[in-house]
């Protein structure tokens, strides 16, 4: 009886396979689509490449509290802190992250770093093309992840001049 059941199971599986082979292929318009995502559609909770945010004055939100690095189960975040000076303000707090690296060779995109950040400095963006044949290019530095201060009226320089 079990042999008949096994043959029936294989026959049912093969019938589904042959039926699907005759159907037209449905594909996303990914590589050639319009826009910055080139046809890719993301769900609301998509976790892409990390992005370091700026505040409304154009200063970095990261205050080098090391909570994201402590929460990371893969230990892929490396931070070096430095002190802000009156002449040069990088963030609005006492400290800022002089070095902020994420090793995407180890990152599992769990989102614990985003949840642990008290200033909402690190978020998941929609970057999804992270594949590389060279492992050294998968170490993203602060300059690679930081949001550009486009549209802000040189507020970081204006604040530094106002302090002098």
Protein backbone atom coordinates (compact mmCIF):
# COMPACT_ATOMS: atom_id res chain seq x y z
CA UNK A 1 0.00 0.00 0.00
CA UNK A 2 2.86 2.40 0.77
CA UNK A 3 4.38 1.83 -2.70
CA UNK A 4 1.13 2.89 -4.36
CA UNK A 5 0.95 5.95 -2.09
CA UNK A 6 4.55 6.88 -2.98
CA UNK A 7 3.92 6.51 -6.72
CA UNK A 8 0.74 8.59 -6.41
CA UNK A 9 2.68 11.32 -4.59
CA UNK A 10 5.39 11.40 -7.24
CA UNK A 11 2.78 11.48 -10.02
CA UNK A 12 0.96 14.39 -8.37
CA UNK A 13 4.22 16.29 -7.98
CA UNK A 14 5.22 15.71 -11.58
CA UNK A 15 1.77 16.82 -12.81
CA UNK A 16 2.21 20.13 -10.96
CA UNK A 17 5.70 20.51 -12.40
CA UNK A 18 4.57 19.91 -15.99
CA UNK A 19 1.56 22.23 -15.57
CA UNK A 20 3.82 25.05 -14.32
CA UNK A 21 6.30 24.49 -17.14
CA UNK A 22 3.61 25.35 -19.69
CA UNK A 23 2.56 28.59 -17.96
CA UNK A 24 4.14 31.90 -19.08
CA UNK A 25 6.93 33.19 -16.86
CA UNK A 26 6.08 36.13 -14.61
CA UNK A 27 9.05 38.38 -13.81
CA UNK A 28 9.59 41.69 -12.10
CA UNK A 29 10.92 44.46 -14.27
CA UNK A 30 13.97 44.74 -12.01
CA UNK A 31 17.08 45.35 -14.05
CA UNK A 32 15.45 47.56 -16.66
CA UNK A 33 12.63 49.21 -14.72
CA UNK A 34 12.17 52.96 -14.20
CA UNK A 35 13.24 54.96 -11.15
CA UNK A 36 16.02 54.55 -8.60
CA UNK A 37 14.84 51.06 -7.63
CA UNK A 38 14.65 50.02 -11.30
CA UNK A 39 11.31 48.29 -10.99
CA UNK A 40 11.89 46.55 -7.65
CA UNK A 41 8.97 46.78 -5.20
CA UNK A 42 9.63 46.80 -1.45
CA UNK A 43 7.40 45.91 1.45
CA UNK A 44 7.04 48.45 4.27
CA UNK A 45 9.26 46.44 6.63
CA UNK A 46 12.08 45.84 4.15
CA UNK A 47 15.52 45.94 5.80
CA UNK A 48 18.07 47.18 3.32
CA UNK A 49 21.48 48.77 3.72
CA UNK A 50 21.92 50.94 6.80
CA UNK A 51 21.67 54.73 6.62
CA UNK A 52 23.09 57.21 9.13
CA UNK A 53 20.68 60.13 9.55
CA UNK A 54 21.22 63.85 10.11
CA UNK A 55 19.12 66.18 12.26
CA UNK A 56 17.21 69.22 10.99
CA UNK A 57 20.35 71.40 11.33
CA UNK A 58 22.43 69.10 9.16
CA UNK A 59 24.46 67.69 12.06
CA UNK A 60 24.95 63.96 12.51
CA UNK A 61 22.48 62.30 14.86
CA UNK A 62 24.96 59.66 16.04
CA UNK A 63 26.31 60.51 19.49
CA UNK A 64 28.65 57.48 19.71
CA UNK A 65 26.81 55.83 22.58
CA UNK A 66 27.84 52.33 21.34
CA UNK A 67 24.36 50.89 22.00
CA UNK A 68 24.01 49.71 18.40
CA UNK A 69 27.34 47.89 18.56
CA UNK A 70 26.40 46.32 21.88
CA UNK A 71 23.02 45.13 20.55
CA UNK A 72 24.47 43.61 17.38
CA UNK A 73 24.49 39.79 17.66
CA UNK A 74 26.87 39.45 14.70
CA UNK A 75 29.38 41.95 16.14
CA UNK A 76 29.67 43.70 12.79
CA UNK A 77 29.53 47.36 13.94
CA UNK A 78 32.76 49.17 14.85
CA UNK A 79 32.67 52.68 16.33
CA UNK A 80 35.36 55.10 17.47
CA UNK A 81 34.17 58.14 19.39
CA UNK A 82 35.65 61.64 19.40
CA UNK A 83 34.79 64.82 21.28
CA UNK A 84 33.05 67.77 19.63
CA UNK A 85 34.83 71.10 19.95
CA UNK A 86 33.46 74.61 19.85
CA UNK A 87 35.24 75.21 16.54
CA UNK A 88 34.04 72.05 14.87
CA UNK A 89 30.59 70.62 15.64
CA UNK A 90 29.86 67.27 14.01
CA UNK A 91 26.87 66.29 16.15
CA UNK A 92 24.68 68.14 18.61
CA UNK A 93 25.97 66.15 21.61
CA UNK A 94 29.32 66.07 23.37
CA UNK A 95 30.64 63.20 21.25
CA UNK A 96 30.32 61.99 17.71
CA UNK A 97 31.32 58.87 15.83
CA UNK A 98 34.69 59.58 14.25
CA UNK A 99 34.71 56.07 12.75
CA UNK A 100 31.51 54.12 12.08
CA UNK A 101 31.93 50.90 10.10
CA UNK A 102 29.50 48.11 9.35
CA UNK A 103 30.88 44.85 8.00
CA UNK A 104 28.20 43.46 5.66
CA UNK A 105 30.14 40.20 5.45
CA UNK A 106 28.82 39.52 8.96
CA UNK A 107 25.59 41.57 9.15
CA UNK A 108 22.39 39.51 9.36
CA UNK A 109 20.00 42.50 8.95
CA UNK A 110 18.23 41.70 12.21
CA UNK A 111 17.39 45.35 12.99
CA UNK A 112 18.61 45.25 16.59
CA UNK A 113 20.95 48.19 15.96
CA UNK A 114 18.03 50.29 14.68
CA UNK A 115 15.92 49.40 17.73
CA UNK A 116 18.75 50.11 20.19
CA UNK A 117 19.61 53.60 18.88
CA UNK A 118 18.20 56.27 21.26
CA UNK A 119 18.61 59.10 18.74
CA UNK A 120 17.27 57.27 15.64
CA UNK A 121 20.63 57.87 14.00
CA UNK A 122 20.80 54.52 12.21
CA UNK A 123 17.95 53.20 10.08
CA UNK A 124 17.45 50.60 7.39
CA UNK A 125 17.26 52.13 3.94
CA UNK A 126 16.12 50.62 0.67
CA UNK A 127 19.57 49.77 -0.66
CA UNK A 128 19.55 46.18 -1.82
CA UNK A 129 22.41 45.79 -4.28
CA UNK A 130 25.14 44.81 -1.84
CA UNK A 131 26.60 41.81 -3.67
CA UNK A 132 30.30 41.94 -4.41
CA UNK A 133 33.07 39.58 -5.43
CA UNK A 134 35.53 41.42 -3.19
CA UNK A 135 34.91 41.09 0.55
CA UNK A 136 36.73 44.33 1.37
CA UNK A 137 34.11 46.38 -0.49
CA UNK A 138 31.44 45.07 1.89
CA UNK A 139 32.80 47.10 4.80
CA UNK A 140 30.75 50.30 4.67
CA UNK A 141 32.20 53.37 6.34
CA UNK A 142 30.45 56.38 7.81
CA UNK A 143 30.96 58.37 4.62
CA UNK A 144 29.18 55.65 2.61
CA UNK A 145 26.15 55.48 4.90
CA UNK A 146 25.68 59.13 5.93
CA UNK A 147 22.75 60.99 4.39
CA UNK A 148 23.93 63.90 2.29
CA UNK A 149 23.10 67.37 3.63
CA UNK A 150 21.43 68.43 0.38
CA UNK A 151 18.87 71.19 0.67
CA UNK A 152 20.12 72.46 4.00
CA UNK A 153 21.47 76.04 3.92
CA UNK A 154 25.03 75.16 4.98
CA UNK A 155 23.76 74.94 8.54
CA UNK A 156 26.76 73.02 9.87
CA UNK A 157 29.16 75.70 8.62
CA UNK A 158 26.82 78.50 9.75
CA UNK A 159 26.60 77.04 13.25
CA UNK A 160 30.38 76.74 13.45
CA UNK A 161 30.74 80.39 12.39
CA UNK A 162 28.12 81.48 14.95
CA UNK A 163 30.02 79.81 17.77
CA UNK A 164 33.26 81.68 16.94
